[in-house]
C-alpha atoms as a PDB file:
ATOM      1  CA  MET A   1     127.998  96.538  82.903  1.00  0.00           C
ATOM      2  CA  THR A   2     131.268  97.253  84.872  1.00  0.00           C
ATOM      3  CA  ARG A   3     129.679  97.550  88.312  1.00  0.00           C
ATOM      4  CA  ILE A   4     126.582  95.740  89.749  1.00  0.00           C
ATOM      5  CA  GLY A   5     125.154  96.522  93.218  1.00  0.00           C
ATOM      6  CA  LEU A   6     123.496  94.076  95.494  1.00  0.00           C
ATOM      7  CA  VAL A   7     120.442  95.000  97.624  1.00  0.00           C
ATOM      8  CA  LEU A   8     119.743  92.226 100.202  1.00  0.00           C
ATOM      9  CA  HIS A   9     116.879  91.306 102.458  1.00  0.00           C
ATOM     10  CA  PRO A  10     117.803  92.884 105.867  1.00  0.00           C
ATOM     11  CA  ARG A  11     117.357  89.649 107.883  1.00  0.00           C
ATOM     12  CA  ARG A  12     117.358  86.636 105.502  1.00  0.00           C
ATOM     13  CA  ASP A  13     120.658  84.939 104.964  1.00  0.00           C
ATOM     14  CA  CYS A  14     121.398  85.149 101.234  1.00  0.00           C
ATOM     15  CA  SER A  15     125.059  84.291 101.420  1.00  0.00           C
ATOM     16  CA  PRO A  16     124.864  81.274  99.068  1.00  0.00           C
ATOM     17  CA  ALA A  17     123.174  83.403  96.411  1.00  0.00           C
ATOM     18  CA  VAL A  18     125.773  86.171  97.004  1.00  0.00           C
ATOM     19  CA  GLY A  19     128.469  83.586  96.276  1.00  0.00           C
ATOM     20  CA  GLN A  20     126.834  82.707  93.095  1.00  0.00           C
ATOM     21  CA  VAL A  21     126.759  86.238  91.904  1.00  0.00           C
ATOM     22  CA  LEU A  22     130.344  86.767  93.049  1.00  0.00           C
ATOM     23  CA  ALA A  23     131.425  83.829  90.954  1.00  0.00           C
ATOM     24  CA  TRP A  24     129.673  85.226  87.928  1.00  0.00           C
ATOM     25  CA  THR A  25     130.927  88.859  88.271  1.00  0.00           C
ATOM     26  CA  SER A  26     134.459  87.720  88.840  1.00  0.00           C
ATOM     27  CA  SER A  27     134.520  85.650  85.657  1.00  0.00           C
ATOM     28  CA  HIS A  28     133.049  88.512  83.692  1.00  0.00           C
ATOM     29  CA  GLY A  29     135.209  91.310  84.862  1.00  0.00           C
ATOM     30  CA  VAL A  30     132.384  93.032  86.833  1.00  0.00           C
ATOM     31  CA  GLU A  31     132.739  94.808  90.125  1.00  0.00           C
ATOM     32  CA  LEU A  32     130.256  93.664  92.767  1.00  0.00           C
ATOM     33  CA  VAL A  33     129.309  96.119  95.512  1.00  0.00           C
ATOM     34  CA  ALA A  34     126.885  96.259  98.467  1.00  0.00           C
ATOM     35  CA  SER A  35     126.161  98.541 101.315  1.00  0.00           C
ATOM     36  CA  SER A  36     128.804  98.581 104.066  1.00  0.00           C
ATOM     37  CA  ASP A  37     126.235  97.294 106.504  1.00  0.00           C
ATOM     38  CA  ASP A  38     125.246  94.310 104.365  1.00  0.00           C
ATOM     39  CA  VAL A  39     128.879  93.403 103.695  1.00  0.00           C
ATOM     40  CA  THR A  40     129.665  93.406 107.409  1.00  0.00           C
ATOM     41  CA  ARG A  41     126.605  91.393 108.213  1.00  0.00           C
ATOM     42  CA  LEU A  42     127.320  88.679 105.622  1.00  0.00           C
ATOM     43  CA  GLY A  43     131.073  88.496 105.926  1.00  0.00           C
ATOM     44  CA  VAL A  44     131.530  87.306 102.343  1.00  0.00           C
ATOM     45  CA  SER A  45     134.927  87.968 100.951  1.00  0.00           C
ATOM     46  CA  GLY A  46     135.137  89.669  97.520  1.00  0.00           C
ATOM     47  CA  LEU A  47     132.091  91.840  97.974  1.00  0.00           C
ATOM     48  CA  ILE A  48     133.057  95.534  98.042  1.00  0.00           C
ATOM     49  CA  PRO A  49     131.563  97.714 100.703  1.00  0.00           C
ATOM     50  CA  VAL A  50     130.187 101.089  99.602  1.00  0.00           C
ATOM     51  CA  ALA A  51     128.074 103.898 101.022  1.00  0.00           C
ATOM     52  CA  VAL A  52     124.345 103.704 100.186  1.00  0.00           C
ATOM     53  CA  ASP A  53     124.580 106.930  98.094  1.00  0.00           C
ATOM     54  CA  ASP A  54     127.386 105.315  96.097  1.00  0.00           C
ATOM     55  CA  LEU A  55     125.419 102.153  95.619  1.00  0.00           C
ATOM     56  CA  ALA A  56     122.558 104.180  94.221  1.00  0.00           C
ATOM     57  CA  GLY A  57     124.572 106.480  92.079  1.00  0.00           C
ATOM     58  CA  SER A  58     127.417 104.377  90.580  1.00  0.00           C
ATOM     59  CA  CYS A  59     126.115 100.997  89.604  1.00  0.00           C
ATOM     60  CA  ASP A  60     125.120  99.904  86.074  1.00  0.00           C
ATOM     61  CA  GLY A  61     122.586  97.501  87.487  1.00  0.00           C
ATOM     62  CA  ILE A  62     121.187  96.143  90.646  1.00  0.00           C
ATOM     63  CA  ILE A  63     120.352  92.542  91.822  1.00  0.00           C
ATOM     64  CA  ALA A  64     117.775  92.397  94.611  1.00  0.00           C
ATOM     65  CA  LEU A  65     118.047  89.184  96.643  1.00  0.00           C
ATOM     66  CA  GLY A  66     114.893  88.806  98.891  1.00  0.00           C
ATOM     67  CA  GLY A  67     111.212  89.211  98.407  1.00  0.00           C
ATOM     68  CA  ASP A  68     108.924  91.864  96.831  1.00  0.00           C
ATOM     69  CA  GLY A  69     109.758  94.354  99.603  1.00  0.00           C
ATOM     70  CA  THR A  70     113.547  94.116  98.789  1.00  0.00           C
ATOM     71  CA  LEU A  71     112.897  94.626  95.124  1.00  0.00           C
ATOM     72  CA  LEU A  72     110.731  97.659  95.739  1.00  0.00           C
ATOM     73  CA  GLY A  73     113.353  99.053  97.982  1.00  0.00           C
ATOM     74  CA  ALA A  74     115.944  98.655  95.315  1.00  0.00           C
ATOM     75  CA  MET A  75     113.778 100.358  92.774  1.00  0.00           C
ATOM     76  CA  ARG A  76     113.271 103.256  95.120  1.00  0.00           C
ATOM     77  CA  LEU A  77     116.989 103.409  95.853  1.00  0.00           C
ATOM     78  CA  VAL A  78     117.842 104.028  92.241  1.00  0.00           C
ATOM     79  CA  SER A  79     114.744 105.953  91.216  1.00  0.00           C
ATOM     80  CA  ALA A  80     116.747 109.302  90.675  1.00  0.00           C
ATOM     81  CA  ARG A  81     118.924 107.421  88.211  1.00  0.00           C
ATOM     82  CA  PRO A  82     116.957 104.291  87.023  1.00  0.00           C
ATOM     83  CA  VAL A  83     119.141 101.350  86.194  1.00  0.00           C
ATOM     84  CA  PRO A  84     117.997  97.759  85.483  1.00  0.00           C
ATOM     85  CA  VAL A  85     117.043  95.835  88.567  1.00  0.00           C
ATOM     86  CA  LEU A  86     116.735  92.050  88.667  1.00  0.00           C
ATOM     87  CA  GLY A  87     114.603  90.656  91.381  1.00  0.00           C
ATOM     88  CA  VAL A  88     115.362  87.157  92.831  1.00  0.00           C
ATOM     89  CA  ASN A  89     112.813  85.752  95.104  1.00  0.00           C
ATOM     90  CA  PHE A  90     113.838  84.309  98.458  1.00  0.00           C
ATOM     91  CA  GLY A  91     110.530  85.248 100.104  1.00  0.00           C
ATOM     92  CA  ASN A  92     107.177  83.511 100.442  1.00  0.00           C
ATOM     93  CA  LEU A  93     105.154  84.686  97.269  1.00  0.00           C
ATOM     94  CA  GLY A  94     107.362  87.070  95.358  1.00  0.00           C
ATOM     95  CA  PHE A  95     104.868  88.403  92.727  1.00  0.00           C
ATOM     96  CA  LEU A  96     107.247  90.974  91.403  1.00  0.00           C
ATOM     97  CA  ALA A  97     110.597  89.044  91.273  1.00  0.00           C
ATOM     98  CA  GLU A  98     111.515  87.817  87.831  1.00  0.00           C
ATOM     99  CA  VAL A  99     113.269  84.514  88.999  1.00  0.00           C
ATOM    100  CA  GLU A 100     113.177  82.220  91.935  1.00  0.00           C
ATOM    101  CA  GLY A 101     116.464  81.641  93.881  1.00  0.00           C
ATOM    102  CA  ALA A 102     117.131  78.266  92.247  1.00  0.00           C
ATOM    103  CA  GLU A 103     117.028  80.031  88.740  1.00  0.00           C
ATOM    104  CA  LEU A 104     119.725  82.594  89.573  1.00  0.00           C
ATOM    105  CA  ASP A 105     122.561  80.962  87.668  1.00  0.00           C
ATOM    106  CA  ARG A 106     120.385  80.664  84.538  1.00  0.00           C
ATOM    107  CA  ALA A 107     119.299  84.297  84.844  1.00  0.00           C
ATOM    108  CA  LEU A 108     122.950  85.499  85.092  1.00  0.00           C
ATOM    109  CA  SER A 109     123.937  83.458  82.102  1.00  0.00           C
ATOM    110  CA  ALA A 110     121.081  84.938  80.125  1.00  0.00           C
ATOM    111  CA  MET A 111     122.105  88.450  81.033  1.00  0.00           C
ATOM    112  CA  ALA A 112     125.620  87.726  79.949  1.00  0.00           C
ATOM    113  CA  GLU A 113     124.415  86.243  76.603  1.00  0.00           C
ATOM    114  CA  GLY A 114     121.851  88.870  75.726  1.00  0.00           C
ATOM    115  CA  GLY A 115     118.924  86.767  76.695  1.00  0.00           C
ATOM    116  CA  SER A 116     117.341  89.503  78.762  1.00  0.00           C
ATOM    117  CA  THR A 117     115.242  92.656  78.233  1.00  0.00           C
ATOM    118  CA  VAL A 118     114.268  95.625  80.249  1.00  0.00           C
ATOM    119  CA  GLU A 119     110.691  96.928  81.056  1.00  0.00           C
ATOM    120  CA  MET A 120     109.930 100.351  82.302  1.00  0.00           C
ATOM    121  CA  ARG A 121     107.731 100.905  85.339  1.00  0.00           C
ATOM    122  CA  GLY A 122     106.074 104.054  86.748  1.00  0.00           C
ATOM    123  CA  CYS A 123     105.572 105.064  90.282  1.00  0.00           C
ATOM    124  CA  LEU A 124     103.442 107.290  92.496  1.00  0.00           C
ATOM    125  CA  VAL A 125     104.910 110.639  93.605  1.00  0.00           C
ATOM    126  CA  VAL A 126     103.271 111.454  96.960  1.00  0.00           C
ATOM    127  CA  ARG A 127     103.566 114.876  98.397  1.00  0.00           C
ATOM    128  CA  HIS A 128     102.656 115.063 102.243  1.00  0.00           C
ATOM    129  CA  THR A 129     103.461 116.995 105.258  1.00  0.00           C
ATOM    130  CA  GLY A 130     106.890 115.367 105.645  1.00  0.00           C
ATOM    131  CA  GLY A 131     107.956 116.130 102.058  1.00  0.00           C
ATOM    132  CA  GLU A 132     107.848 113.983  98.850  1.00  0.00           C
ATOM    133  CA  SER A 133     107.985 110.203  98.690  1.00  0.00           C
ATOM    134  CA  LEU A 134     107.786 107.559  95.925  1.00  0.00           C
ATOM    135  CA  ALA A 135     105.784 104.331  95.848  1.00  0.00           C
ATOM    136  CA  PHE A 136     106.194 101.629  93.150  1.00  0.00           C
ATOM    137  CA  ASN A 137     103.415  99.442  94.570  1.00  0.00           C
ATOM    138  CA  ASP A 138     101.145 101.498  96.675  1.00  0.00           C
ATOM    139  CA  ALA A 139     100.527 104.313  99.234  1.00  0.00           C
ATOM    140  CA  VAL A 140      98.078 103.317 101.940  1.00  0.00           C
ATOM    141  CA  VAL A 141      96.173 105.322 104.570  1.00  0.00           C
ATOM    142  CA  ALA A 142      95.061 102.728 107.022  1.00  0.00           C
ATOM    143  CA  ARG A 143      92.829 102.916 110.234  1.00  0.00           C
ATOM    144  CA  VAL A 144      94.458 102.642 113.581  1.00  0.00           C
ATOM    145  CA  PRO A 145      92.326 100.803 116.179  1.00  0.00           C
ATOM    146  CA  GLY A 146      90.739 103.204 118.553  1.00  0.00           C
ATOM    147  CA  GLU A 147      91.583 106.230 116.266  1.00  0.00           C
ATOM    148  CA  GLY A 148      88.497 106.319 114.134  1.00  0.00           C
ATOM    149  CA  MET A 149      87.826 105.296 110.563  1.00  0.00           C
ATOM    150  CA  VAL A 150      89.689 106.809 107.542  1.00  0.00           C
ATOM    151  CA  GLU A 151      87.660 109.669 106.195  1.00  0.00           C
ATOM    152  CA  ALA A 152      88.822 111.559 103.214  1.00  0.00           C
ATOM    153  CA  THR A 153      87.688 113.619 100.257  1.00  0.00           C
ATOM    154  CA  LEU A 154      89.121 112.851  96.772  1.00  0.00           C
ATOM    155  CA  SER A 155      89.507 115.423  94.141  1.00  0.00           C
ATOM    156  CA  VAL A 156      90.786 114.481  90.622  1.00  0.00           C
ATOM    157  CA  ALA A 157      92.518 117.011  88.368  1.00  0.00           C
ATOM    158  CA  GLY A 158      91.303 119.831  90.543  1.00  0.00           C
ATOM    159  CA  ARG A 159      87.598 118.616  90.707  1.00  0.00           C
ATOM    160  CA  ARG A 160      85.985 117.152  93.707  1.00  0.00           C
ATOM    161  CA  TYR A 161      85.197 113.376  93.010  1.00  0.00           C
ATOM    162  CA  GLY A 162      83.644 112.091  96.127  1.00  0.00           C
ATOM    163  CA  HIS A 163      84.020 111.073  99.745  1.00  0.00           C
ATOM    164  CA  TYR A 164      85.444 107.875 101.496  1.00  0.00           C
ATOM    165  CA  ARG A 165      84.744 106.401 104.919  1.00  0.00           C
ATOM    166  CA  CYS A 166      86.580 103.114 105.262  1.00  0.00           C
ATOM    167  CA  ASP A 167      89.195 101.037 107.091  1.00  0.00           C
ATOM    168  CA  ALA A 168      91.967 101.820 104.530  1.00  0.00           C
ATOM    169  CA  LEU A 169      92.316 103.682 101.365  1.00  0.00           C
ATOM    170  CA  ILE A 170      94.811 102.201  98.940  1.00  0.00           C
ATOM    171  CA  LEU A 171      96.449 104.159  96.118  1.00  0.00           C
ATOM    172  CA  ALA A 172      98.181 101.615  93.885  1.00  0.00           C
ATOM    173  CA  THR A 173     100.186 101.475  90.730  1.00  0.00           C
ATOM    174  CA  PRO A 174      99.296  98.858  88.091  1.00  0.00           C
ATOM    175  CA  MET A 175     102.241  96.800  89.285  1.00  0.00           C
ATOM    176  CA  GLY A 176     100.986  97.053  92.833  1.00  0.00           C
ATOM    177  CA  SER A 177      97.384  96.102  91.890  1.00  0.00           C
ATOM    178  CA  THR A 178      98.118  92.456  92.999  1.00  0.00           C
ATOM    179  CA  ALA A 179      99.116  93.527  96.576  1.00  0.00           C
ATOM    180  CA  TYR A 180      96.831  95.226  99.135  1.00  0.00           C
ATOM    181  CA  SER A 181      94.459  96.548  96.472  1.00  0.00           C
ATOM    182  CA  TYR A 182      93.710  92.973  95.267  1.00  0.00           C
ATOM    183  CA  ALA A 183      93.236  91.777  98.831  1.00  0.00           C
ATOM    184  CA  ALA A 184      90.606  94.500  99.302  1.00  0.00           C
ATOM    185  CA  GLY A 185      88.667  93.404  96.244  1.00  0.00           C
ATOM    186  CA  GLY A 186      90.438  95.609  93.677  1.00  0.00           C
ATOM    187  CA  PRO A 187      91.053  94.423  89.959  1.00  0.00           C
ATOM    188  CA  VAL A 188      94.276  93.062  88.566  1.00  0.00           C
ATOM    189  CA  VAL A 189      95.671  95.688  86.227  1.00  0.00           C
ATOM    190  CA  SER A 190      98.325  94.960  83.725  1.00  0.00           C
ATOM    191  CA  PRO A 191     101.726  96.202  84.807  1.00  0.00           C
ATOM    192  CA  GLY A 192     102.122  97.683  81.232  1.00  0.00           C
ATOM    193  CA  ALA A 193      99.319 100.046  81.933  1.00  0.00           C
ATOM    194  CA  GLU A 194      99.689 103.584  83.476  1.00  0.00           C
ATOM    195  CA  GLY A 195      97.678 105.265  86.028  1.00  0.00           C
ATOM    196  CA  ILE A 196      96.597 105.315  89.696  1.00  0.00           C
ATOM    197  CA  LEU A 197      94.267 102.690  91.144  1.00  0.00           C
ATOM    198  CA  VAL A 198      92.147 103.873  94.167  1.00  0.00           C
ATOM    199  CA  THR A 199      90.593 101.156  96.230  1.00  0.00           C
ATOM    200  CA  PRO A 200      88.781 101.411  99.585  1.00  0.00           C
ATOM    201  CA  SER A 201      89.063  98.555 102.188  1.00  0.00           C
ATOM    202  CA  ALA A 202      85.822  97.758 104.085  1.00  0.00           C
ATOM    203  CA  PRO A 203      83.940 100.901 103.033  1.00  0.00           C
ATOM    204  CA  LEU A 204      81.216 101.972 105.405  1.00  0.00           C
ATOM    205  CA  ASN A 205      79.771 104.537 103.033  1.00  0.00           C
ATOM    206  CA  GLY A 206      80.752 106.846 100.259  1.00  0.00           C
ATOM    207  CA  ILE A 207      82.695 105.451  97.242  1.00  0.00           C
ATOM    208  CA  ALA A 208      82.736 101.676  97.490  1.00  0.00           C
ATOM    209  CA  ARG A 209      84.429 100.586  94.167  1.00  0.00           C
ATOM    210  CA  SER A 210      87.914 100.760  92.768  1.00  0.00           C
ATOM    211  CA  VAL A 211      88.579 103.716  90.581  1.00  0.00           C
ATOM    212  CA  LEU A 212      91.286 103.637  87.934  1.00  0.00           C
ATOM    213  CA  LEU A 213      92.621 107.191  87.084  1.00  0.00           C
ATOM    214  CA  GLY A 214      94.618 108.082  84.079  1.00  0.00           C
ATOM    215  CA  PRO A 215      98.462 108.980  84.145  1.00  0.00           C
ATOM    216  CA  ASN A 216      97.553 112.670  83.616  1.00  0.00           C
ATOM    217  CA  GLU A 217      94.951 112.934  86.400  1.00  0.00           C
ATOM    218  CA  PRO A 218      96.647 113.991  89.585  1.00  0.00           C
ATOM    219  CA  LEU A 219      94.735 113.271  92.736  1.00  0.00           C
ATOM    220  CA  ARG A 220      94.251 115.149  95.979  1.00  0.00           C
ATOM    221  CA  LEU A 221      93.267 113.386  99.124  1.00  0.00           C
ATOM    222  CA  GLU A 222      92.073 115.532 102.149  1.00  0.00           C
ATOM    223  CA  LEU A 223      91.731 113.706 105.498  1.00  0.00           C
ATOM    224  CA  THR A 224      88.548 114.824 107.221  1.00  0.00           C
ATOM    225  CA  GLY A 225      88.458 112.398 110.078  1.00  0.00           C
ATOM    226  CA  GLY A 226      90.568 109.685 111.930  1.00  0.00           C
ATOM    227  CA  ARG A 227      94.326 109.494 112.789  1.00  0.00           C
ATOM    228  CA  PRO A 228      95.277 106.847 110.240  1.00  0.00           C
ATOM    229  CA  ALA A 229      98.699 105.308 109.609  1.00  0.00           C
ATOM    230  CA  PHE A 230     100.424 106.142 106.378  1.00  0.00           C
ATOM    231  CA  GLU A 231     102.399 103.451 104.522  1.00  0.00           C
ATOM    232  CA  LEU A 232     104.563 103.490 101.367  1.00  0.00           C
ATOM    233  CA  ASP A 233     105.261 100.105  99.659  1.00  0.00           C
ATOM    234  CA  GLY A 234     104.348  98.495 102.978  1.00  0.00           C
ATOM    235  CA  VAL A 235     106.684 100.499 105.064  1.00  0.00           C
ATOM    236  CA  LEU A 236     105.119 102.524 107.929  1.00  0.00           C
ATOM    237  CA  THR A 237     105.983 106.174 107.225  1.00  0.00           C
ATOM    238  CA  GLY A 238     103.959 107.953 109.843  1.00  0.00           C
ATOM    239  CA  ARG A 239     100.539 109.071 111.110  1.00  0.00           C
ATOM    240  CA  LEU A 240      98.182 111.538 109.548  1.00  0.00           C
ATOM    241  CA  GLU A 241      95.797 114.033 111.120  1.00  0.00           C
ATOM    242  CA  ALA A 242      92.393 115.402 109.974  1.00  0.00           C
ATOM    243  CA  GLY A 243      93.102 118.328 107.748  1.00  0.00           C
ATOM    244  CA  GLU A 244      96.269 116.969 106.201  1.00  0.00           C
ATOM    245  CA  VAL A 245      96.426 116.520 102.434  1.00  0.00           C
ATOM    246  CA  LEU A 246      98.095 114.059 100.130  1.00  0.00           C
ATOM    247  CA  GLU A 247      98.792 115.006  96.526  1.00  0.00           C
ATOM    248  CA  VAL A 248      99.650 112.197  94.209  1.00  0.00           C
ATOM    249  CA  ASP A 249     100.980 112.223  90.702  1.00  0.00           C
ATOM    250  CA  TRP A 250     102.073 109.447  88.250  1.00  0.00           C
ATOM    251  CA  ARG A 251     105.743 109.446  87.214  1.00  0.00           C
ATOM    252  CA  PRO A 252     106.367 107.355  84.056  1.00  0.00           C
ATOM    253  CA  ASP A 253     109.568 105.394  83.516  1.00  0.00           C
ATOM    254  CA  ALA A 254     110.719 105.717  87.109  1.00  0.00           C
ATOM    255  CA  GLY A 255     112.090 102.163  87.273  1.00  0.00           C
ATOM    256  CA  ARG A 256     113.625  99.532  85.025  1.00  0.00           C
ATOM    257  CA  LEU A 257     112.959  95.750  85.649  1.00  0.00           C
ATOM    258  CA  VAL A 258     115.045  93.012  84.022  1.00  0.00           C
ATOM    259  CA  ARG A 259     113.040  90.314  82.198  1.00  0.00           C
ATOM    260  CA  ILE A 260     114.765  87.006  81.358  1.00  0.00           C
ATOM    261  CA  GLU A 261     113.723  85.372  78.069  1.00  0.00           C
ATOM    262  CA  GLY A 262     111.856  82.175  78.683  1.00  0.00           C
ATOM    263  CA  SER A 263     111.027  83.138  82.253  1.00  0.00           C
ATOM    264  CA  ARG A 264     107.871  81.772  83.703  1.00  0.00           C
ATOM    265  CA  ALA A 265     107.402  84.636  86.164  1.00  0.00           C
ATOM    266  CA  ALA A 266     104.001  85.719  84.603  1.00  0.00           C
ATOM    267  CA  ASP A 267     102.727  82.039  84.788  1.00  0.00           C
ATOM    268  CA  ARG A 268     103.862  81.634  88.422  1.00  0.00           C
ATOM    269  CA  SER A 269     102.205  84.917  89.350  1.00  0.00           C
ATOM    270  CA  ARG A 270      98.900  83.765  88.009  1.00  0.00           C
ATOM    271  CA  VAL A 271      99.091  80.578  89.961  1.00  0.00           C
ATOM    272  CA  LYS A 272     100.163  82.421  93.081  1.00  0.00           C
ATOM    273  CA  LEU A 273      97.093  84.644  92.777  1.00  0.00           C
ATOM    274  CA  SER A 274      94.797  81.667  92.431  1.00  0.00           C
ATOM    275  CA  LEU A 275      96.452  80.111  95.556  1.00  0.00           C
ATOM    276  CA  LEU A 276      95.618  83.106  97.629  1.00  0.00           C
ATOM    277  CA  ASP A 277      91.893  82.144  97.399  1.00  0.00           C
ATOM    278  CA  LEU A 278      92.576  78.849  99.145  1.00  0.00           C
ATOM    279  CA  PRO A 279      92.132  78.670 102.922  1.00  0.00           C
ATOM    280  CA  LEU A 280      95.661  77.216 103.333  1.00  0.00           C
ATOM    281  CA  LEU A 281      99.166  78.358 104.073  1.00  0.00           C
ATOM    282  CA  PRO A 282     101.689  77.953 101.277  1.00  0.00           C
ATOM    283  CA  GLN A 283     103.537  75.109 103.156  1.00  0.00           C
ATOM    284  CA  GLU A 284     100.242  73.298 103.656  1.00  0.00           C
ATOM    285  CA  LEU A 285      99.778  72.949  99.880  1.00  0.00           C
ATOM    286  CA  VAL A 286     102.080  70.047  99.655  1.00  0.00           C
ATOM    287  CA  GLU A 287      99.595  67.991 101.546  1.00  0.00           C
ATOM    288  CA  LEU A 288      97.322  68.266  98.523  1.00  0.00           C
ATOM    289  CA  VAL A 289      99.896  66.502  96.444  1.00  0.00           C
ATOM    290  CA  PRO A 290      99.488  62.608  96.165  1.00  0.00           C
ATOM    291  CA  GLU A 291     102.080  60.822  98.262  1.00  0.00           C
ATOM    292  CA  SER A 292     103.254  58.876  95.253  1.00  0.00           C
ATOM    293  CA  LEU A 293     104.060  62.207  93.399  1.00  0.00           C
ATOM    294  CA  ARG A 294     105.697  63.623  96.498  1.00  0.00           C
ATOM    295  CA  ARG A 295     108.053  60.671  96.618  1.00  0.00           C
ATOM    296  CA  ARG A 296     108.827  60.995  92.949  1.00  0.00           C
ATOM    297  CA  LEU A 297     109.634  64.713  93.358  1.00  0.00           C
ATOM    298  CA  GLY A 298     111.871  63.949  96.379  1.00  0.00           C
ATOM    299  CA  ASP A 299     113.865  61.402  94.418  1.00  0.00           C
ATOM    300  CA  GLY A 300     114.152  63.783  91.544  1.00  0.00           C
ATOM    301  CA  ALA A 301     115.438  66.590  93.728  1.00  0.00           C
ATOM    302  CA  SER A 302     118.048  64.239  95.290  1.00  0.00           C
ATOM    303  CA  ASN A 303     118.958  62.485  92.054  1.00  0.00           C
ATOM    304  CA  PRO A 304     118.361  64.918  89.071  1.00  0.00           C
ATOM    305  CA  GLY A 305     119.783  62.435  86.646  1.00  0.00           C
END
């Protein structure tokens, strides 16, 4: 790699992590760039400002510093020319990120020493009234209070499948199965699988279970009632009206994720999923740890030797 791009959380201060990456790229003869807006916001010297189009089209790899939303945004950014993307979690849960912020130095060293691999990921291609959009996690049609329930008819590969009447209809990738679809009772699907997962949230009648479609089974969703919101990867895209149609296809190999050898990302994700079933906020979990262990962990953090 001769040029690496940074994609940063729009509000969180990732300056220390940017400094770590800059130190690594400088010592390895790699140019480090970021969007002009991010460079101005951070004020970190040595980071080269570029236009967003240049960031998407000229980098050999991307490092996304933030949460899952930042990583998904980075994957969409380079989808026309997929390059490896390393996700570094500075968010709350971070199911998709490969490493936590504290592991950044080790991850950079592993990449330099050949201790990393790349996994391909597919995405949804969603055609709608506004054009064509991509979603690496999910596309969601969600009820707006006072605007009626989501009512839609699903057709698969040109054949009518059935009708939905629910609070939200979630079209998810296998990678996105642990997001909104999981919260609505959908299954966890291996990110190595291909296909489109359809999950209704709070169905009143019609199809009430998740349906996993194959990668060669395009779906067509016709809105028959309600004025729902339309979200792509958690980003509000607009509103839909009765009569509008969404056509969704599977695009294989649309993104490339960096995997670090020896990473415990998969183990952490399993633990994070189990914690979602607890009636506690993440910061409240520390109260479950015995005080003696908390003291020991605190001493270890301040005195690692």
